[in-house]
Amino acid sequence: MAAIKITKNNFTQEVLQSKEPVLLDFWASWCGPCRMVAPTLDEIAEEMKGVAKVGKINIDEESDLASAFRVMSIPTLVVVKEGKVSAQSVGVKPKKDILRMLEN
């Protein structure tokens, strides 16, 4: 399963009510570092199928969600487990560091 597009309309169902952890990627089409990390996140989405979800939130389209998570710089990665933020990081990270965020 590829990354899921998260909007304010599906946020509650896909993120807050998710039984598995959700890795949220706050990004924008004009962001170079966001494009750099995108292939890694797609790999994680495939590898973690059934264990965790990867959701992509376009900050230009979903500014309310970006504000709710206090996103100041992108890419921002946030892990939500059982409706609560368990990890957060800003900037491009190696795959192993992103996977470690999901394990916490």
PDB file of N, CA and C in Angstrom:
ATOM      1  N   MET A   1       0.845  -1.178   0.000  1.00  0.00           N
ATOM      2  CA  MET A   1       0.000   0.000   0.000  1.00  0.00           C
ATOM      3  C   MET A   1       0.888   1.238   0.000  1.00  0.00           C
ATOM      4  N   ALA A   2       0.601   2.134  -0.875  1.00  0.00           N
ATOM      5  CA  ALA A   2       1.362   3.381  -0.940  1.00  0.00           C
ATOM      6  C   ALA A   2       0.915   4.302   0.199  1.00  0.00           C
ATOM      7  N   ALA A   3       1.586   5.408   0.318  1.00  0.00           N
ATOM      8  CA  ALA A   3       1.215   6.393   1.328  1.00  0.00           C
ATOM      9  C   ALA A   3      -0.202   6.888   1.054  1.00  0.00           C
ATOM     10  N   ILE A   4      -0.904   7.220   2.116  1.00  0.00           N
ATOM     11  CA  ILE A   4      -2.290   7.678   2.041  1.00  0.00           C
ATOM     12  C   ILE A   4      -2.302   9.201   2.076  1.00  0.00           C
ATOM     13  N   LYS A   5      -3.112   9.799   1.228  1.00  0.00           N
ATOM     14  CA  LYS A   5      -3.277  11.255   1.283  1.00  0.00           C
ATOM     15  C   LYS A   5      -4.200  11.561   2.458  1.00  0.00           C
ATOM     16  N   ILE A   6      -3.699  12.338   3.402  1.00  0.00           N
ATOM     17  CA  ILE A   6      -4.478  12.688   4.589  1.00  0.00           C
ATOM     18  C   ILE A   6      -5.031  14.103   4.415  1.00  0.00           C
ATOM     19  N   THR A   7      -6.327  14.229   4.653  1.00  0.00           N
ATOM     20  CA  THR A   7      -6.993  15.533   4.612  1.00  0.00           C
ATOM     21  C   THR A   7      -7.773  15.704   5.921  1.00  0.00           C
ATOM     22  N   LYS A   8      -8.320  16.893   6.128  1.00  0.00           N
ATOM     23  CA  LYS A   8      -9.112  17.080   7.347  1.00  0.00           C
ATOM     24  C   LYS A   8     -10.338  16.175   7.341  1.00  0.00           C
ATOM     25  N   ASN A   9     -10.788  15.749   6.146  1.00  0.00           N
ATOM     26  CA  ASN A   9     -11.969  14.890   6.049  1.00  0.00           C
ATOM     27  C   ASN A   9     -11.707  13.454   6.478  1.00  0.00           C
ATOM     28  N   ASN A  10     -10.484  12.939   6.263  1.00  0.00           N
ATOM     29  CA  ASN A  10     -10.208  11.549   6.639  1.00  0.00           C
ATOM     30  C   ASN A  10      -9.231  11.438   7.812  1.00  0.00           C
ATOM     31  N   PHE A  11      -8.819  12.558   8.398  1.00  0.00           N
ATOM     32  CA  PHE A  11      -7.821  12.557   9.461  1.00  0.00           C
ATOM     33  C   PHE A  11      -8.255  11.715  10.668  1.00  0.00           C
ATOM     34  N   THR A  12      -9.459  11.916  11.142  1.00  0.00           N
ATOM     35  CA  THR A  12      -9.922  11.177  12.325  1.00  0.00           C
ATOM     36  C   THR A  12      -9.898   9.679  12.073  1.00  0.00           C
ATOM     37  N   GLN A  13     -10.453   9.255  10.945  1.00  0.00           N
ATOM     38  CA  GLN A  13     -10.514   7.826  10.636  1.00  0.00           C
ATOM     39  C   GLN A  13      -9.129   7.235  10.378  1.00  0.00           C
ATOM     40  N   GLU A  14      -8.331   7.875   9.535  1.00  0.00           N
ATOM     41  CA  GLU A  14      -7.047   7.302   9.109  1.00  0.00           C
ATOM     42  C   GLU A  14      -5.933   7.447  10.151  1.00  0.00           C
ATOM     43  N   VAL A  15      -6.013   8.485  10.992  1.00  0.00           N
ATOM     44  CA  VAL A  15      -4.918   8.748  11.930  1.00  0.00           C
ATOM     45  C   VAL A  15      -5.342   8.497  13.373  1.00  0.00           C
ATOM     46  N   LEU A  16      -6.322   9.251  13.844  1.00  0.00           N
ATOM     47  CA  LEU A  16      -6.692   9.150  15.260  1.00  0.00           C
ATOM     48  C   LEU A  16      -7.295   7.801  15.630  1.00  0.00           C
ATOM     49  N   GLN A  17      -8.055   7.188  14.710  1.00  0.00           N
ATOM     50  CA  GLN A  17      -8.689   5.908  15.007  1.00  0.00           C
ATOM     51  C   GLN A  17      -7.899   4.707  14.478  1.00  0.00           C
ATOM     52  N   SER A  18      -6.717   4.949  13.959  1.00  0.00           N
ATOM     53  CA  SER A  18      -5.913   3.874  13.386  1.00  0.00           C
ATOM     54  C   SER A  18      -5.440   2.911  14.472  1.00  0.00           C
ATOM     55  N   LYS A  19      -5.525   1.629  14.179  1.00  0.00           N
ATOM     56  CA  LYS A  19      -5.044   0.612  15.119  1.00  0.00           C
ATOM     57  C   LYS A  19      -3.522   0.499  15.074  1.00  0.00           C
ATOM     58  N   GLU A  20      -2.924   0.863  13.939  1.00  0.00           N
ATOM     59  CA  GLU A  20      -1.462   0.823  13.840  1.00  0.00           C
ATOM     60  C   GLU A  20      -0.898   2.245  13.876  1.00  0.00           C
ATOM     61  N   PRO A  21       0.386   2.373  14.190  1.00  0.00           N
ATOM     62  CA  PRO A  21       1.011   3.707  14.185  1.00  0.00           C
ATOM     63  C   PRO A  21       0.936   4.339  12.796  1.00  0.00           C
ATOM     64  N   VAL A  22       0.861   5.662  12.772  1.00  0.00           N
ATOM     65  CA  VAL A  22       0.798   6.394  11.504  1.00  0.00           C
ATOM     66  C   VAL A  22       1.963   7.373  11.451  1.00  0.00           C
ATOM     67  N   LEU A  23       2.755   7.255  10.389  1.00  0.00           N
ATOM     68  CA  LEU A  23       3.840   8.192  10.136  1.00  0.00           C
ATOM     69  C   LEU A  23       3.293   9.264   9.200  1.00  0.00           C
ATOM     70  N   LEU A  24       3.189  10.487   9.703  1.00  0.00           N
ATOM     71  CA  LEU A  24       2.677  11.593   8.896  1.00  0.00           C
ATOM     72  C   LEU A  24       3.838  12.378   8.306  1.00  0.00           C
ATOM     73  N   ASP A  25       3.748  12.638   7.014  1.00  0.00           N
ATOM     74  CA  ASP A  25       4.736  13.441   6.301  1.00  0.00           C
ATOM     75  C   ASP A  25       4.085  14.754   5.901  1.00  0.00           C
ATOM     76  N   PHE A  26       4.481  15.847   6.553  1.00  0.00           N
ATOM     77  CA  PHE A  26       3.995  17.174   6.176  1.00  0.00           C
ATOM     78  C   PHE A  26       4.942  17.685   5.100  1.00  0.00           C
ATOM     79  N   TRP A  27       4.394  17.977   3.918  1.00  0.00           N
ATOM     80  CA  TRP A  27       5.214  18.291   2.755  1.00  0.00           C
ATOM     81  C   TRP A  27       4.529  19.340   1.885  1.00  0.00           C
ATOM     82  N   ALA A  28       5.238  19.774   0.843  1.00  0.00           N
ATOM     83  CA  ALA A  28       4.677  20.661  -0.188  1.00  0.00           C
ATOM     84  C   ALA A  28       5.384  20.362  -1.506  1.00  0.00           C
ATOM     85  N   SER A  29       4.686  20.586  -2.598  1.00  0.00           N
ATOM     86  CA  SER A  29       5.239  20.257  -3.923  1.00  0.00           C
ATOM     87  C   SER A  29       6.476  21.090  -4.258  1.00  0.00           C
ATOM     88  N   TRP A  30       6.592  22.285  -3.701  1.00  0.00           N
ATOM     89  CA  TRP A  30       7.718  23.173  -4.001  1.00  0.00           C
ATOM     90  C   TRP A  30       8.932  22.915  -3.107  1.00  0.00           C
ATOM     91  N   CYS A  31       8.854  21.954  -2.208  1.00  0.00           N
ATOM     92  CA  CYS A  31       9.898  21.698  -1.216  1.00  0.00           C
ATOM     93  C   CYS A  31      10.878  20.634  -1.713  1.00  0.00           C
ATOM     94  N   GLY A  32      12.122  21.047  -2.007  1.00  0.00           N
ATOM     95  CA  GLY A  32      13.140  20.109  -2.489  1.00  0.00           C
ATOM     96  C   GLY A  32      13.438  18.980  -1.517  1.00  0.00           C
ATOM     97  N   PRO A  33      13.693  19.283  -0.228  1.00  0.00           N
ATOM     98  CA  PRO A  33      13.951  18.207   0.731  1.00  0.00           C
ATOM     99  C   PRO A  33      12.768  17.236   0.862  1.00  0.00           C
ATOM    100  N   CYS A  34      11.546  17.740   0.691  1.00  0.00           N
ATOM    101  CA  CYS A  34      10.360  16.862   0.738  1.00  0.00           C
ATOM    102  C   CYS A  34      10.425  15.840  -0.394  1.00  0.00           C
ATOM    103  N   ARG A  35      10.828  16.301  -1.573  1.00  0.00           N
ATOM    104  CA  ARG A  35      10.953  15.392  -2.722  1.00  0.00           C
ATOM    105  C   ARG A  35      12.078  14.386  -2.503  1.00  0.00           C
ATOM    106  N   MET A  36      13.117  14.794  -1.766  1.00  0.00           N
ATOM    107  CA  MET A  36      14.236  13.887  -1.492  1.00  0.00           C
ATOM    108  C   MET A  36      13.799  12.733  -0.584  1.00  0.00           C
ATOM    109  N   VAL A  37      12.971  13.014   0.406  1.00  0.00           N
ATOM    110  CA  VAL A  37      12.584  11.991   1.379  1.00  0.00           C
ATOM    111  C   VAL A  37      11.390  11.153   0.893  1.00  0.00           C
ATOM    112  N   ALA A  38      10.667  11.614  -0.112  1.00  0.00           N
ATOM    113  CA  ALA A  38       9.457  10.922  -0.590  1.00  0.00           C
ATOM    114  C   ALA A  38       9.699   9.466  -0.991  1.00  0.00           C
ATOM    115  N   PRO A  39      10.749   9.141  -1.774  1.00  0.00           N
ATOM    116  CA  PRO A  39      10.958   7.730  -2.137  1.00  0.00           C
ATOM    117  C   PRO A  39      11.200   6.832  -0.914  1.00  0.00           C
ATOM    118  N   THR A  40      11.886   7.354   0.080  1.00  0.00           N
ATOM    119  CA  THR A  40      12.128   6.592   1.310  1.00  0.00           C
ATOM    120  C   THR A  40      10.810   6.311   2.018  1.00  0.00           C
ATOM    121  N   LEU A  41       9.943   7.308   2.077  1.00  0.00           N
ATOM    122  CA  LEU A  41       8.652   7.121   2.741  1.00  0.00           C
ATOM    123  C   LEU A  41       7.781   6.128   1.978  1.00  0.00           C
ATOM    124  N   ASP A  42       7.867   6.141   0.640  1.00  0.00           N
ATOM    125  CA  ASP A  42       7.121   5.159  -0.156  1.00  0.00           C
ATOM    126  C   ASP A  42       7.619   3.744   0.138  1.00  0.00           C
ATOM    127  N   GLU A  43       8.949   3.587   0.274  1.00  0.00           N
ATOM    128  CA  GLU A  43       9.513   2.272   0.626  1.00  0.00           C
ATOM    129  C   GLU A  43       8.999   1.815   1.992  1.00  0.00           C
ATOM    130  N   ILE A  44       9.008   2.728   2.950  1.00  0.00           N
ATOM    131  CA  ILE A  44       8.534   2.394   4.297  1.00  0.00           C
ATOM    132  C   ILE A  44       7.067   2.006   4.255  1.00  0.00           C
ATOM    133  N   ALA A  45       6.267   2.716   3.468  1.00  0.00           N
ATOM    134  CA  ALA A  45       4.835   2.396   3.346  1.00  0.00           C
ATOM    135  C   ALA A  45       4.652   0.966   2.851  1.00  0.00           C
ATOM    136  N   GLU A  46       5.464   0.544   1.876  1.00  0.00           N
ATOM    137  CA  GLU A  46       5.378  -0.818   1.349  1.00  0.00           C
ATOM    138  C   GLU A  46       5.853  -1.848   2.369  1.00  0.00           C
ATOM    139  N   GLU A  47       7.005  -1.580   2.969  1.00  0.00           N
ATOM    140  CA  GLU A  47       7.616  -2.537   3.894  1.00  0.00           C
ATOM    141  C   GLU A  47       6.826  -2.705   5.186  1.00  0.00           C
ATOM    142  N   MET A  48       6.151  -1.667   5.625  1.00  0.00           N
ATOM    143  CA  MET A  48       5.453  -1.698   6.915  1.00  0.00           C
ATOM    144  C   MET A  48       3.956  -1.999   6.774  1.00  0.00           C
ATOM    145  N   LYS A  49       3.538  -2.427   5.586  1.00  0.00           N
ATOM    146  CA  LYS A  49       2.133  -2.748   5.341  1.00  0.00           C
ATOM    147  C   LYS A  49       1.597  -3.661   6.443  1.00  0.00           C
ATOM    148  N   GLY A  50       0.476  -3.285   7.056  1.00  0.00           N
ATOM    149  CA  GLY A  50      -0.119  -4.092   8.115  1.00  0.00           C
ATOM    150  C   GLY A  50       0.489  -3.846   9.484  1.00  0.00           C
ATOM    151  N   VAL A  51       1.607  -3.109   9.537  1.00  0.00           N
ATOM    152  CA  VAL A  51       2.280  -2.814  10.809  1.00  0.00           C
ATOM    153  C   VAL A  51       2.156  -1.323  11.141  1.00  0.00           C
ATOM    154  N   ALA A  52       2.282  -0.495  10.108  1.00  0.00           N
ATOM    155  CA  ALA A  52       2.188   0.956  10.259  1.00  0.00           C
ATOM    156  C   ALA A  52       1.694   1.547   8.939  1.00  0.00           C
ATOM    157  N   LYS A  53       1.147   2.757   9.024  1.00  0.00           N
ATOM    158  CA  LYS A  53       0.690   3.473   7.827  1.00  0.00           C
ATOM    159  C   LYS A  53       1.573   4.688   7.620  1.00  0.00           C
ATOM    160  N   VAL A  54       1.673   5.114   6.376  1.00  0.00           N
ATOM    161  CA  VAL A  54       2.338   6.377   6.052  1.00  0.00           C
ATOM    162  C   VAL A  54       1.282   7.282   5.428  1.00  0.00           C
ATOM    163  N   GLY A  55       1.124   8.464   6.019  1.00  0.00           N
ATOM    164  CA  GLY A  55       0.171   9.436   5.515  1.00  0.00           C
ATOM    165  C   GLY A  55       0.888  10.701   5.089  1.00  0.00           C
ATOM    166  N   LYS A  56       0.466  11.262   3.961  1.00  0.00           N
ATOM    167  CA  LYS A  56       1.078  12.487   3.447  1.00  0.00           C
ATOM    168  C   LYS A  56       0.079  13.633   3.581  1.00  0.00           C
ATOM    169  N   ILE A  57       0.544  14.725   4.184  1.00  0.00           N
ATOM    170  CA  ILE A  57      -0.297  15.907   4.369  1.00  0.00           C
ATOM    171  C   ILE A  57       0.352  17.076   3.635  1.00  0.00           C
ATOM    172  N   ASN A  58      -0.293  17.532   2.572  1.00  0.00           N
ATOM    173  CA  ASN A  58       0.187  18.682   1.805  1.00  0.00           C
ATOM    174  C   ASN A  58      -0.164  19.942   2.598  1.00  0.00           C
ATOM    175  N   ILE A  59       0.863  20.651   3.079  1.00  0.00           N
ATOM    176  CA  ILE A  59       0.594  21.796   3.949  1.00  0.00           C
ATOM    177  C   ILE A  59      -0.097  22.951   3.231  1.00  0.00           C
ATOM    178  N   ASP A  60       0.050  23.029   1.912  1.00  0.00           N
ATOM    179  CA  ASP A  60      -0.626  24.086   1.159  1.00  0.00           C
ATOM    180  C   ASP A  60      -2.126  23.823   1.065  1.00  0.00           C
ATOM    181  N   GLU A  61      -2.503  22.555   1.039  1.00  0.00           N
ATOM    182  CA  GLU A  61      -3.929  22.188   0.948  1.00  0.00           C
ATOM    183  C   GLU A  61      -4.564  21.997   2.320  1.00  0.00           C
ATOM    184  N   GLU A  62      -3.766  21.633   3.313  1.00  0.00           N
ATOM    185  CA  GLU A  62      -4.282  21.308   4.643  1.00  0.00           C
ATOM    186  C   GLU A  62      -3.589  22.151   5.715  1.00  0.00           C
ATOM    187  N   SER A  63      -3.717  23.464   5.578  1.00  0.00           N
ATOM    188  CA  SER A  63      -3.028  24.362   6.512  1.00  0.00           C
ATOM    189  C   SER A  63      -3.541  24.203   7.945  1.00  0.00           C
ATOM    190  N   ASP A  64      -4.809  23.820   8.128  1.00  0.00           N
ATOM    191  CA  ASP A  64      -5.342  23.622   9.483  1.00  0.00           C
ATOM    192  C   ASP A  64      -4.632  22.474  10.188  1.00  0.00           C
ATOM    193  N   LEU A  65      -4.384  21.375   9.462  1.00  0.00           N
ATOM    194  CA  LEU A  65      -3.673  20.248  10.061  1.00  0.00           C
ATOM    195  C   LEU A  65      -2.231  20.634  10.357  1.00  0.00           C
ATOM    196  N   ALA A  66      -1.594  21.362   9.448  1.00  0.00           N
ATOM    197  CA  ALA A  66      -0.216  21.806   9.680  1.00  0.00           C
ATOM    198  C   ALA A  66      -0.152  22.690  10.925  1.00  0.00           C
ATOM    199  N   SER A  67      -1.124  23.568  11.090  1.00  0.00           N
ATOM    200  CA  SER A  67      -1.169  24.430  12.275  1.00  0.00           C
ATOM    201  C   SER A  67      -1.393  23.614  13.542  1.00  0.00           C
ATOM    202  N   ALA A  68      -2.279  22.634  13.472  1.00  0.00           N
ATOM    203  CA  ALA A  68      -2.581  21.807  14.640  1.00  0.00           C
ATOM    204  C   ALA A  68      -1.333  21.078  15.146  1.00  0.00           C
ATOM    205  N   PHE A  69      -0.434  20.716  14.234  1.00  0.00           N
ATOM    206  CA  PHE A  69       0.796  20.020  14.611  1.00  0.00           C
ATOM    207  C   PHE A  69       1.982  20.990  14.742  1.00  0.00           C
ATOM    208  N   ARG A  70       1.698  22.290  14.668  1.00  0.00           N
ATOM    209  CA  ARG A  70       2.723  23.335  14.804  1.00  0.00           C
ATOM    210  C   ARG A  70       3.891  23.139  13.839  1.00  0.00           C
ATOM    211  N   VAL A  71       3.565  22.825  12.596  1.00  0.00           N
ATOM    212  CA  VAL A  71       4.601  22.615  11.580  1.00  0.00           C
ATOM    213  C   VAL A  71       5.147  23.973  11.150  1.00  0.00           C
ATOM    214  N   MET A  72       6.441  24.161  11.390  1.00  0.00           N
ATOM    215  CA  MET A  72       7.108  25.416  11.038  1.00  0.00           C
ATOM    216  C   MET A  72       8.029  25.247   9.839  1.00  0.00           C
ATOM    217  N   SER A  73       8.596  24.054   9.682  1.00  0.00           N
ATOM    218  CA  SER A  73       9.507  23.745   8.585  1.00  0.00           C
ATOM    219  C   SER A  73       9.114  22.400   8.003  1.00  0.00           C
ATOM    220  N   ILE A  74       9.423  22.217   6.728  1.00  0.00           N
ATOM    221  CA  ILE A  74       9.125  20.923   6.113  1.00  0.00           C
ATOM    222  C   ILE A  74      10.368  20.390   5.443  1.00  0.00           C
ATOM    223  N   PRO A  75      10.489  19.088   5.287  1.00  0.00           N
ATOM    224  CA  PRO A  75       9.520  18.095   5.733  1.00  0.00           C
ATOM    225  C   PRO A  75       9.529  17.919   7.253  1.00  0.00           C
ATOM    226  N   THR A  76       8.329  17.768   7.807  1.00  0.00           N
ATOM    227  CA  THR A  76       8.175  17.403   9.209  1.00  0.00           C
ATOM    228  C   THR A  76       7.544  16.018   9.236  1.00  0.00           C
ATOM    229  N   LEU A  77       8.134  15.117   9.998  1.00  0.00           N
ATOM    230  CA  LEU A  77       7.611  13.768  10.157  1.00  0.00           C
ATOM    231  C   LEU A  77       7.086  13.627  11.581  1.00  0.00           C
ATOM    232  N   VAL A  78       5.865  13.103  11.704  1.00  0.00           N
ATOM    233  CA  VAL A  78       5.233  12.925  13.008  1.00  0.00           C
ATOM    234  C   VAL A  78       4.687  11.512  13.075  1.00  0.00           C
ATOM    235  N   VAL A  79       4.964  10.811  14.172  1.00  0.00           N
ATOM    236  CA  VAL A  79       4.386   9.486  14.385  1.00  0.00           C
ATOM    237  C   VAL A  79       3.262   9.628  15.394  1.00  0.00           C
ATOM    238  N   VAL A  80       2.075   9.136  15.008  1.00  0.00           N
ATOM    239  CA  VAL A  80       0.909   9.154  15.887  1.00  0.00           C
ATOM    240  C   VAL A  80       0.559   7.710  16.224  1.00  0.00           C
ATOM    241  N   LYS A  81       0.534   7.418  17.536  1.00  0.00           N
ATOM    242  CA  LYS A  81       0.155   6.085  18.019  1.00  0.00           C
ATOM    243  C   LYS A  81      -1.002   6.254  18.982  1.00  0.00           C
ATOM    244  N   GLU A  82      -2.061   5.498  18.757  1.00  0.00           N
ATOM    245  CA  GLU A  82      -3.248   5.543  19.606  1.00  0.00           C
ATOM    246  C   GLU A  82      -3.737   6.982  19.810  1.00  0.00           C
ATOM    247  N   GLY A  83      -3.693   7.758  18.728  1.00  0.00           N
ATOM    248  CA  GLY A  83      -4.209   9.120  18.759  1.00  0.00           C
ATOM    249  C   GLY A  83      -3.290  10.162  19.363  1.00  0.00           C
ATOM    250  N   LYS A  84      -2.084   9.769  19.779  1.00  0.00           N
ATOM    251  CA  LYS A  84      -1.151  10.710  20.400  1.00  0.00           C
ATOM    252  C   LYS A  84       0.176  10.733  19.642  1.00  0.00           C
ATOM    253  N   VAL A  85       0.806  11.912  19.628  1.00  0.00           N
ATOM    254  CA  VAL A  85       2.113  12.053  18.982  1.00  0.00           C
ATOM    255  C   VAL A  85       3.162  11.325  19.827  1.00  0.00           C
ATOM    256  N   SER A  86       3.881  10.392  19.209  1.00  0.00           N
ATOM    257  CA  SER A  86       4.923   9.662  19.947  1.00  0.00           C
ATOM    258  C   SER A  86       6.327  10.051  19.499  1.00  0.00           C
ATOM    259  N   ALA A  87       6.455  10.655  18.321  1.00  0.00           N
ATOM    260  CA  ALA A  87       7.760  11.096  17.819  1.00  0.00           C
ATOM    261  C   ALA A  87       7.548  12.167  16.759  1.00  0.00           C
ATOM    262  N   GLN A  88       8.550  13.049  16.636  1.00  0.00           N
ATOM    263  CA  GLN A  88       8.468  14.113  15.636  1.00  0.00           C
ATOM    264  C   GLN A  88       9.878  14.521  15.243  1.00  0.00           C
ATOM    265  N   SER A  89      10.073  14.805  13.970  1.00  0.00           N
ATOM    266  CA  SER A  89      11.379  15.296  13.517  1.00  0.00           C
ATOM    267  C   SER A  89      11.184  16.214  12.322  1.00  0.00           C
ATOM    268  N   VAL A  90      12.164  17.072  12.116  1.00  0.00           N
ATOM    269  CA  VAL A  90      12.130  18.028  11.009  1.00  0.00           C
ATOM    270  C   VAL A  90      13.356  17.796  10.142  1.00  0.00           C
ATOM    271  N   GLY A  91      13.143  17.831   8.834  1.00  0.00           N
ATOM    272  CA  GLY A  91      14.249  17.690   7.901  1.00  0.00           C
ATOM    273  C   GLY A  91      14.355  16.279   7.345  1.00  0.00           C
ATOM    274  N   VAL A  92      15.271  16.117   6.394  1.00  0.00           N
ATOM    275  CA  VAL A  92      15.481  14.819   5.755  1.00  0.00           C
ATOM    276  C   VAL A  92      16.249  13.924   6.719  1.00  0.00           C
ATOM    277  N   LYS A  93      15.756  12.710   6.881  1.00  0.00           N
ATOM    278  CA  LYS A  93      16.386  11.739   7.777  1.00  0.00           C
ATOM    279  C   LYS A  93      16.678  10.462   6.995  1.00  0.00           C
ATOM    280  N   PRO A  94      17.719   9.723   7.414  1.00  0.00           N
ATOM    281  CA  PRO A  94      17.955   8.419   6.791  1.00  0.00           C
ATOM    282  C   PRO A  94      16.819   7.459   7.152  1.00  0.00           C
ATOM    283  N   LYS A  95      16.631   6.473   6.303  1.00  0.00           N
ATOM    284  CA  LYS A  95      15.550   5.504   6.483  1.00  0.00           C
ATOM    285  C   LYS A  95      15.589   4.853   7.865  1.00  0.00           C
ATOM    286  N   LYS A  96      16.777   4.471   8.327  1.00  0.00           N
ATOM    287  CA  LYS A  96      16.883   3.787   9.625  1.00  0.00           C
ATOM    288  C   LYS A  96      16.388   4.687  10.758  1.00  0.00           C
ATOM    289  N   ASP A  97      16.627   5.987  10.666  1.00  0.00           N
ATOM    290  CA  ASP A  97      16.159   6.915  11.707  1.00  0.00           C
ATOM    291  C   ASP A  97      14.642   7.061  11.670  1.00  0.00           C
ATOM    292  N   ILE A  98      14.071   7.052  10.475  1.00  0.00           N
ATOM    293  CA  ILE A  98      12.610   7.145  10.356  1.00  0.00           C
ATOM    294  C   ILE A  98      11.973   5.879  10.915  1.00  0.00           C
ATOM    295  N   LEU A  99      12.545   4.722  10.595  1.00  0.00           N
ATOM    296  CA  LEU A  99      12.019   3.458  11.130  1.00  0.00           C
ATOM    297  C   LEU A  99      12.132   3.438  12.654  1.00  0.00           C
ATOM    298  N   ARG A 100      13.198   3.968  13.205  1.00  0.00           N
ATOM    299  CA  ARG A 100      13.381   4.019  14.657  1.00  0.00           C
ATOM    300  C   ARG A 100      12.271   4.860  15.295  1.00  0.00           C
ATOM    301  N   MET A 101      11.845   5.935  14.627  1.00  0.00           N
ATOM    302  CA  MET A 101      10.743   6.758  15.142  1.00  0.00           C
ATOM    303  C   MET A 101       9.479   5.907  15.293  1.00  0.00           C
ATOM    304  N   LEU A 102       9.248   5.006  14.357  1.00  0.00           N
ATOM    305  CA  LEU A 102       8.047   4.157  14.403  1.00  0.00           C
ATOM    306  C   LEU A 102       8.116   3.143  15.535  1.00  0.00           C
ATOM    307  N   GLU A 103       9.325   2.742  15.909  1.00  0.00           N
ATOM    308  CA  GLU A 103       9.496   1.721  16.936  1.00  0.00           C
ATOM    309  C   GLU A 103       9.273   2.263  18.344  1.00  0.00           C
ATOM    310  N   ASN A 104       9.498   3.549  18.559  1.00  0.00           N
ATOM    311  CA  ASN A 104       9.378   4.127  19.910  1.00  0.00           C
ATOM    312  C   ASN A 104       7.972   4.077  20.441  1.00  0.00           C
TER     313      ASN A 104
END
